[in-house]
């Protein structure tokens, strides 16, 4: 006689779903051999997938398609997280392999944004398209509207406007810039995010854009339903690396038309005294915009950690224990480490 002891139901589940390009749901992909996904903040995610050609669902991968990762917690409904949509555009395999195993390198849906370019116009100054004082939303909506006019990226949708971000909040930043024709939408988007002007992510085929450090910097360590991760129970490894090599208390911004602006931060923690840095801002000819960008850069370079935007070298990489994956809904990190937290695989 065999005694079967009931076990706890799985608390966390992951699955993959295939979609037609810009189209409807095709069905599940249950026969994967393995997959690895990376969902960074303000960058293009990636998916590496191994699949047997004889497995259920392999026919869906035999054609170009979109792949969505979905998760469920405590047997609730399945959810596609931010940046969880990928493009099946590159495959590899061995023709003599009887198992017909195939490997797929799939960039996130946002990879396509590099295929939408800014074209020259009749109103050019020094070979660049220049804008008046505008918000990140204003700059990008104009870029996308113009690019989609001839039919480029018909599947792309946005849910922000020139005046409000994807959470309905007014834009906090405005700037004047010049953009060279031939610049692609992805490069423009990443540049604005790296300047600290916005945060962005994809929800399926919808591009979402927020004021920097707001919607994607939620504090989940407190509140009515806190996310608690304990060393030894939920976290197997937690390297803590830091450096002040990119720290600075003074930044020289070099723009166009011989514009040079120096901005200092007297409150920066500088053990060896004043450190200087230079920043080239092509397309910036307005002193106010240059000072605004320099202030953001100085906040990030103020010290090893602890500022609103710490230096890129301040890194904390908790590795979740098997079976105890935390929520994928947002970056699970306090504000001081938001840009590099990988507790949930999303975050930088």
Protein backbone atom coordinates (compact mmCIF):
# COMPACT_ATOMS: atom_id res chain seq x y z
CA UNK A 1 0.00 0.00 0.00
CA UNK A 2 1.26 3.46 -0.89
CA UNK A 3 0.51 6.33 1.45
CA UNK A 4 0.27 9.71 -0.25
CA UNK A 5 0.77 12.64 2.09
CA UNK A 6 -0.80 15.88 0.84
CA UNK A 7 1.74 18.61 0.29
CA UNK A 8 1.41 22.36 0.19
CA UNK A 9 0.34 23.76 -3.15
CA UNK A 10 3.07 25.62 -5.03
CA UNK A 11 3.28 29.23 -3.85
CA UNK A 12 4.84 30.55 -7.03
CA UNK A 13 4.52 29.58 -10.67
CA UNK A 14 6.11 30.64 -13.96
CA UNK A 15 5.00 29.85 -17.50
CA UNK A 16 5.51 31.05 -21.07
CA UNK A 17 2.88 31.99 -23.63
CA UNK A 18 3.26 32.52 -27.40
CA UNK A 19 1.64 35.42 -29.25
CA UNK A 20 1.46 36.20 -32.96
CA UNK A 21 3.55 39.24 -33.96
CA UNK A 22 1.41 42.25 -32.98
CA UNK A 23 -1.44 39.75 -32.74
CA UNK A 24 -3.48 37.40 -30.60
CA UNK A 25 -2.48 34.74 -28.10
CA UNK A 26 -1.37 31.47 -29.74
CA UNK A 27 -1.10 29.26 -26.67
CA UNK A 28 1.22 27.93 -23.96
CA UNK A 29 4.85 26.83 -24.38
CA UNK A 30 4.98 24.05 -21.77
CA UNK A 31 7.84 21.96 -23.16
CA UNK A 32 10.87 24.17 -22.56
CA UNK A 33 14.08 22.48 -21.43
CA UNK A 34 15.31 25.60 -19.63
CA UNK A 35 15.15 29.36 -19.83
CA UNK A 36 16.99 32.34 -18.37
CA UNK A 37 15.49 35.81 -18.32
CA UNK A 38 16.90 39.18 -17.32
CA UNK A 39 14.61 42.16 -16.69
CA UNK A 40 16.83 45.22 -16.08
CA UNK A 41 15.59 48.67 -15.18
CA UNK A 42 15.51 51.20 -18.04
CA UNK A 43 17.06 48.80 -20.53
CA UNK A 44 16.12 46.02 -22.96
CA UNK A 45 15.37 42.67 -21.24
CA UNK A 46 16.56 39.33 -22.62
CA UNK A 47 15.42 35.71 -22.72
CA UNK A 48 17.46 32.60 -23.53
CA UNK A 49 15.26 29.59 -24.18
CA UNK A 50 15.97 25.93 -24.97
CA UNK A 51 13.13 23.88 -26.45
CA UNK A 52 12.78 20.42 -27.95
CA UNK A 53 11.40 20.34 -31.46
CA UNK A 54 9.34 17.30 -30.46
CA UNK A 55 7.74 18.94 -27.42
CA UNK A 56 4.23 20.31 -27.19
CA UNK A 57 4.15 23.88 -28.46
CA UNK A 58 7.30 23.58 -30.61
CA UNK A 59 5.26 24.40 -33.71
CA UNK A 60 4.55 27.84 -32.25
CA UNK A 61 8.27 28.55 -32.03
CA UNK A 62 8.86 27.36 -35.59
CA UNK A 63 7.55 30.73 -36.76
CA UNK A 64 8.31 34.27 -35.74
CA UNK A 65 6.32 35.08 -32.64
CA UNK A 66 6.29 36.90 -29.33
CA UNK A 67 6.96 35.10 -26.04
CA UNK A 68 5.49 36.31 -22.77
CA UNK A 69 6.62 35.22 -19.31
CA UNK A 70 3.79 35.05 -16.79
CA UNK A 71 3.79 34.40 -13.04
CA UNK A 72 1.21 33.49 -10.42
CA UNK A 73 1.43 33.74 -6.63
CA UNK A 74 -0.61 31.55 -4.26
CA UNK A 75 -2.62 30.07 -7.17
CA UNK A 76 -3.93 33.48 -8.21
CA UNK A 77 -4.44 34.59 -11.80
CA UNK A 78 -1.48 34.68 -14.18
CA UNK A 79 0.21 38.07 -14.67
CA UNK A 80 2.66 39.26 -17.31
CA UNK A 81 5.19 41.50 -15.49
CA UNK A 82 6.73 44.67 -16.77
CA UNK A 83 9.28 43.89 -19.51
CA UNK A 84 7.98 40.32 -19.72
CA UNK A 85 7.37 40.27 -23.52
CA UNK A 86 10.10 39.00 -25.89
CA UNK A 87 10.67 38.60 -29.64
CA UNK A 88 11.50 35.21 -31.21
CA UNK A 89 13.92 36.58 -33.81
CA UNK A 90 17.08 34.46 -33.45
CA UNK A 91 17.36 30.66 -33.33
CA UNK A 92 20.12 28.06 -33.44
CA UNK A 93 20.32 24.27 -33.41
CA UNK A 94 22.03 21.15 -34.75
CA UNK A 95 20.46 19.39 -37.73
CA UNK A 96 21.85 16.00 -36.64
CA UNK A 97 20.33 16.22 -33.16
CA UNK A 98 17.58 13.59 -32.93
CA UNK A 99 15.97 15.44 -30.02
CA UNK A 100 15.63 18.45 -32.35
CA UNK A 101 16.67 20.79 -29.55
CA UNK A 102 16.65 24.44 -30.47
CA UNK A 103 18.00 27.50 -28.70
CA UNK A 104 16.40 30.92 -28.96
CA UNK A 105 17.94 34.27 -28.03
CA UNK A 106 15.05 36.64 -27.60
CA UNK A 107 15.41 40.35 -26.85
CA UNK A 108 12.60 42.18 -25.11
CA UNK A 109 9.84 43.80 -27.14
CA UNK A 110 11.53 47.17 -26.55
CA UNK A 111 14.38 46.03 -28.83
CA UNK A 112 12.14 46.99 -31.76
CA UNK A 113 12.28 50.65 -30.75
CA UNK A 114 15.68 50.83 -32.45
CA UNK A 115 13.84 50.38 -35.75
CA UNK A 116 12.04 53.73 -35.48
CA UNK A 117 14.28 56.61 -36.60
CA UNK A 118 14.14 60.40 -36.48
CA UNK A 119 14.26 61.83 -40.00
CA UNK A 120 15.49 65.27 -41.13
CA UNK A 121 12.96 68.09 -41.33
CA UNK A 122 12.76 71.50 -42.96
CA UNK A 123 13.55 73.12 -39.60
CA UNK A 124 17.13 72.18 -38.76
CA UNK A 125 19.73 74.13 -36.79
CA UNK A 126 23.37 73.08 -37.20
CA UNK A 127 22.22 69.77 -38.64
CA UNK A 128 19.97 68.87 -35.68
CA UNK A 129 16.27 68.76 -34.87
CA UNK A 130 15.89 71.16 -31.95
CA UNK A 131 13.02 71.36 -29.50
CA UNK A 132 11.80 74.18 -27.33
CA UNK A 133 11.59 73.56 -23.58
CA UNK A 134 9.77 70.24 -23.39
CA UNK A 135 9.09 67.32 -21.04
CA UNK A 136 10.33 63.77 -21.73
CA UNK A 137 6.75 62.88 -22.63
CA UNK A 138 6.49 65.75 -25.09
CA UNK A 139 9.77 64.80 -26.79
CA UNK A 140 8.91 61.09 -27.08
CA UNK A 141 5.26 61.45 -28.14
CA UNK A 142 6.34 63.75 -30.99
CA UNK A 143 9.10 61.27 -31.93
CA UNK A 144 6.69 58.29 -31.95
CA UNK A 145 3.81 60.08 -33.72
CA UNK A 146 6.12 61.16 -36.51
CA UNK A 147 7.77 57.73 -36.80
CA UNK A 148 4.50 55.80 -36.89
CA UNK A 149 3.11 58.05 -39.60
CA UNK A 150 4.53 55.93 -42.49
CA UNK A 151 3.58 52.69 -40.69
CA UNK A 152 6.68 51.94 -38.58
CA UNK A 153 6.09 49.80 -35.46
CA UNK A 154 2.30 49.57 -35.82
CA UNK A 155 2.07 47.39 -32.71
CA UNK A 156 3.60 49.98 -30.38
CA UNK A 157 1.19 51.67 -27.96
CA UNK A 158 1.94 54.37 -25.37
CA UNK A 159 -0.06 55.36 -22.28
CA UNK A 160 1.66 58.64 -21.38
CA UNK A 161 1.14 62.11 -22.84
CA UNK A 162 3.13 65.27 -23.41
CA UNK A 163 1.88 66.63 -20.06
CA UNK A 164 1.48 63.54 -17.83
CA UNK A 165 3.35 60.29 -17.19
CA UNK A 166 1.86 56.79 -17.18
CA UNK A 167 0.62 57.26 -13.60
CA UNK A 168 -1.21 60.45 -14.54
CA UNK A 169 1.31 62.68 -12.76
CA UNK A 170 2.55 65.95 -14.33
CA UNK A 171 6.06 65.80 -15.71
CA UNK A 172 8.66 67.15 -13.29
CA UNK A 173 11.46 67.75 -15.79
CA UNK A 174 11.74 69.97 -18.85
CA UNK A 175 14.72 70.52 -21.13
CA UNK A 176 15.87 71.90 -24.47
CA UNK A 177 17.80 69.49 -26.69
CA UNK A 178 18.90 68.99 -30.27
CA UNK A 179 18.72 65.53 -31.83
CA UNK A 180 20.63 64.37 -34.89
CA UNK A 181 18.59 62.78 -37.72
CA UNK A 182 19.09 59.03 -37.73
CA UNK A 183 18.79 58.73 -33.94
CA UNK A 184 16.56 55.80 -33.04
CA UNK A 185 13.79 55.78 -30.46
CA UNK A 186 15.49 53.24 -28.18
CA UNK A 187 18.71 55.28 -28.00
CA UNK A 188 16.69 58.39 -27.20
CA UNK A 189 14.71 56.60 -24.51
CA UNK A 190 17.78 55.10 -22.82
CA UNK A 191 19.59 58.46 -22.96
CA UNK A 192 16.73 60.28 -21.23
CA UNK A 193 16.62 57.59 -18.53
CA UNK A 194 20.39 57.67 -18.00
CA UNK A 195 20.16 61.45 -17.50
CA UNK A 196 17.70 60.80 -14.66
CA UNK A 197 14.78 62.41 -16.48
CA UNK A 198 12.44 59.40 -16.58
CA UNK A 199 11.98 55.68 -15.93
CA UNK A 200 10.45 53.39 -18.55
CA UNK A 201 9.28 49.83 -19.13
CA UNK A 202 7.11 47.78 -21.49
CA UNK A 203 3.80 46.24 -20.45
CA UNK A 204 3.22 43.82 -23.29
CA UNK A 205 3.39 46.08 -26.36
CA UNK A 206 2.67 49.26 -24.40
CA UNK A 207 5.53 51.64 -23.63
CA UNK A 208 5.12 53.13 -20.15
CA UNK A 209 7.02 56.21 -19.00
CA UNK A 210 7.22 57.77 -15.53
CA UNK A 211 8.92 60.56 -13.65
CA UNK A 212 12.27 59.20 -12.48
CA UNK A 213 12.31 57.55 -9.07
CA UNK A 214 8.52 57.36 -8.64
CA UNK A 215 6.40 54.44 -9.90
CA UNK A 216 9.39 52.07 -10.26
CA UNK A 217 10.91 52.97 -6.88
CA UNK A 218 8.16 51.83 -4.54
CA UNK A 219 9.20 50.95 -1.00
CA UNK A 220 7.93 47.39 -0.41
CA UNK A 221 9.71 46.80 2.90
CA UNK A 222 6.88 48.45 4.85
CA UNK A 223 3.16 49.04 4.56
CA UNK A 224 0.12 46.74 4.87
CA UNK A 225 1.72 43.86 2.92
CA UNK A 226 5.51 44.17 3.26
CA UNK A 227 7.88 42.01 1.23
CA UNK A 228 10.18 40.32 3.75
CA UNK A 229 13.34 38.56 2.54
CA UNK A 230 15.48 36.93 5.23
CA UNK A 231 19.08 35.86 4.85
CA UNK A 232 19.39 32.09 5.06
CA UNK A 233 15.70 31.52 4.43
CA UNK A 234 14.81 33.50 1.31
CA UNK A 235 18.28 34.67 0.24
CA UNK A 236 21.12 32.25 -0.46
CA UNK A 237 23.68 34.88 -1.48
CA UNK A 238 23.85 38.64 -0.96
CA UNK A 239 27.09 40.17 -2.32
CA UNK A 240 27.54 43.81 -1.33
CA UNK A 241 29.99 45.66 -3.61
CA UNK A 242 30.66 49.39 -3.68
CA UNK A 243 33.11 51.93 -5.07
CA UNK A 244 33.62 55.69 -5.16
CA UNK A 245 35.65 55.64 -8.38
CA UNK A 246 32.93 57.59 -10.23
CA UNK A 247 32.24 59.99 -7.37
CA UNK A 248 32.65 63.74 -7.96
CA UNK A 249 31.86 67.00 -6.21
CA UNK A 250 32.17 69.18 -9.32
CA UNK A 251 30.98 68.51 -12.87
CA UNK A 252 31.84 70.44 -16.01
CA UNK A 253 29.08 70.16 -18.61
CA UNK A 254 30.22 70.78 -22.18
CA UNK A 255 27.36 71.53 -24.53
CA UNK A 256 27.12 72.99 -27.99
CA UNK A 257 27.93 76.48 -29.24
CA UNK A 258 30.91 76.68 -26.80
CA UNK A 259 28.60 76.21 -23.80
CA UNK A 260 30.54 75.24 -20.65
CA UNK A 261 28.80 75.09 -17.28
CA UNK A 262 30.36 74.07 -13.96
CA UNK A 263 28.13 72.85 -11.14
CA UNK A 264 29.41 71.86 -7.68
CA UNK A 265 27.96 69.92 -4.77
CA UNK A 266 29.43 71.18 -1.47
CA UNK A 267 27.63 68.47 0.53
CA UNK A 268 29.22 65.56 -1.38
CA UNK A 269 31.28 63.21 0.79
CA UNK A 270 34.82 63.53 -0.58
CA UNK A 271 37.44 61.93 1.74
CA UNK A 272 40.34 63.18 -0.45
CA UNK A 273 38.90 66.60 -1.19
CA UNK A 274 37.43 67.97 -4.41
CA UNK A 275 37.02 65.51 -7.30
CA UNK A 276 36.02 66.70 -10.75
CA UNK A 277 34.23 65.08 -13.67
CA UNK A 278 33.28 66.16 -17.19
CA UNK A 279 30.10 65.43 -19.09
CA UNK A 280 29.56 65.99 -22.80
CA UNK A 281 25.97 66.91 -23.66
CA UNK A 282 25.55 66.95 -27.42
CA UNK A 283 22.44 68.81 -28.45
CA UNK A 284 22.32 71.00 -25.31
CA UNK A 285 22.89 74.72 -25.91
CA UNK A 286 20.77 76.10 -23.08
CA UNK A 287 22.49 76.87 -19.74
CA UNK A 288 19.40 76.03 -17.70
CA UNK A 289 19.15 72.56 -19.24
CA UNK A 290 22.88 72.00 -18.74
CA UNK A 291 22.65 72.92 -15.05
CA UNK A 292 19.60 70.71 -14.57
CA UNK A 293 21.36 67.67 -16.08
CA UNK A 294 24.50 68.41 -14.06
CA UNK A 295 22.53 68.50 -10.80
CA UNK A 296 21.08 65.07 -11.52
CA UNK A 297 24.55 63.72 -12.33
CA UNK A 298 25.98 65.19 -9.11
CA UNK A 299 23.27 63.53 -7.02
CA UNK A 300 24.34 60.17 -8.42
CA UNK A 301 28.04 60.93 -7.90
CA UNK A 302 27.70 62.29 -4.37
CA UNK A 303 29.30 59.31 -2.64
CA UNK A 304 29.42 55.54 -2.35
CA UNK A 305 25.75 55.09 -1.47
CA UNK A 306 22.87 56.61 0.45
CA UNK A 307 21.88 59.34 -2.03
CA UNK A 308 18.61 59.26 -3.92
CA UNK A 309 20.52 57.91 -6.92
CA UNK A 310 23.71 56.14 -5.75
CA UNK A 311 26.76 55.65 -7.98
CA UNK A 312 26.50 52.79 -10.43
CA UNK A 313 29.14 50.86 -8.49
CA UNK A 314 26.95 50.49 -5.39
CA UNK A 315 25.64 46.97 -6.01
CA UNK A 316 23.56 44.60 -3.91
CA UNK A 317 22.61 41.33 -5.59
CA UNK A 318 20.50 39.05 -3.38
CA UNK A 319 20.00 35.58 -4.88
CA UNK A 320 16.59 34.10 -3.93
CA UNK A 321 16.52 30.58 -2.52
CA UNK A 322 14.81 27.94 -4.66
CA UNK A 323 11.04 27.98 -4.25
CA UNK A 324 10.97 31.35 -2.50
CA UNK A 325 10.91 33.85 -5.32
CA UNK A 326 9.58 37.28 -4.33
CA UNK A 327 7.06 39.41 -6.18
CA UNK A 328 7.84 40.46 -9.76
CA UNK A 329 5.53 43.43 -9.64
CA UNK A 330 8.19 46.07 -9.03
CA UNK A 331 11.75 46.64 -7.89
CA UNK A 332 11.98 45.16 -4.39
CA UNK A 333 14.55 47.55 -2.97
CA UNK A 334 14.77 50.61 -0.72
CA UNK A 335 15.38 53.90 -2.54
CA UNK A 336 19.11 53.91 -1.77
CA UNK A 337 19.72 50.73 -3.80
CA UNK A 338 16.93 50.94 -6.38
CA UNK A 339 19.10 51.08 -9.50
CA UNK A 340 20.94 47.81 -8.88
CA UNK A 341 18.64 45.56 -6.84
CA UNK A 342 18.18 42.13 -8.42
CA UNK A 343 16.15 40.55 -5.64
CA UNK A 344 13.33 40.00 -8.08
CA UNK A 345 15.22 40.02 -11.36
CA UNK A 346 13.82 43.44 -12.23
CA UNK A 347 15.84 46.40 -11.19
CA UNK A 348 19.29 47.54 -11.88
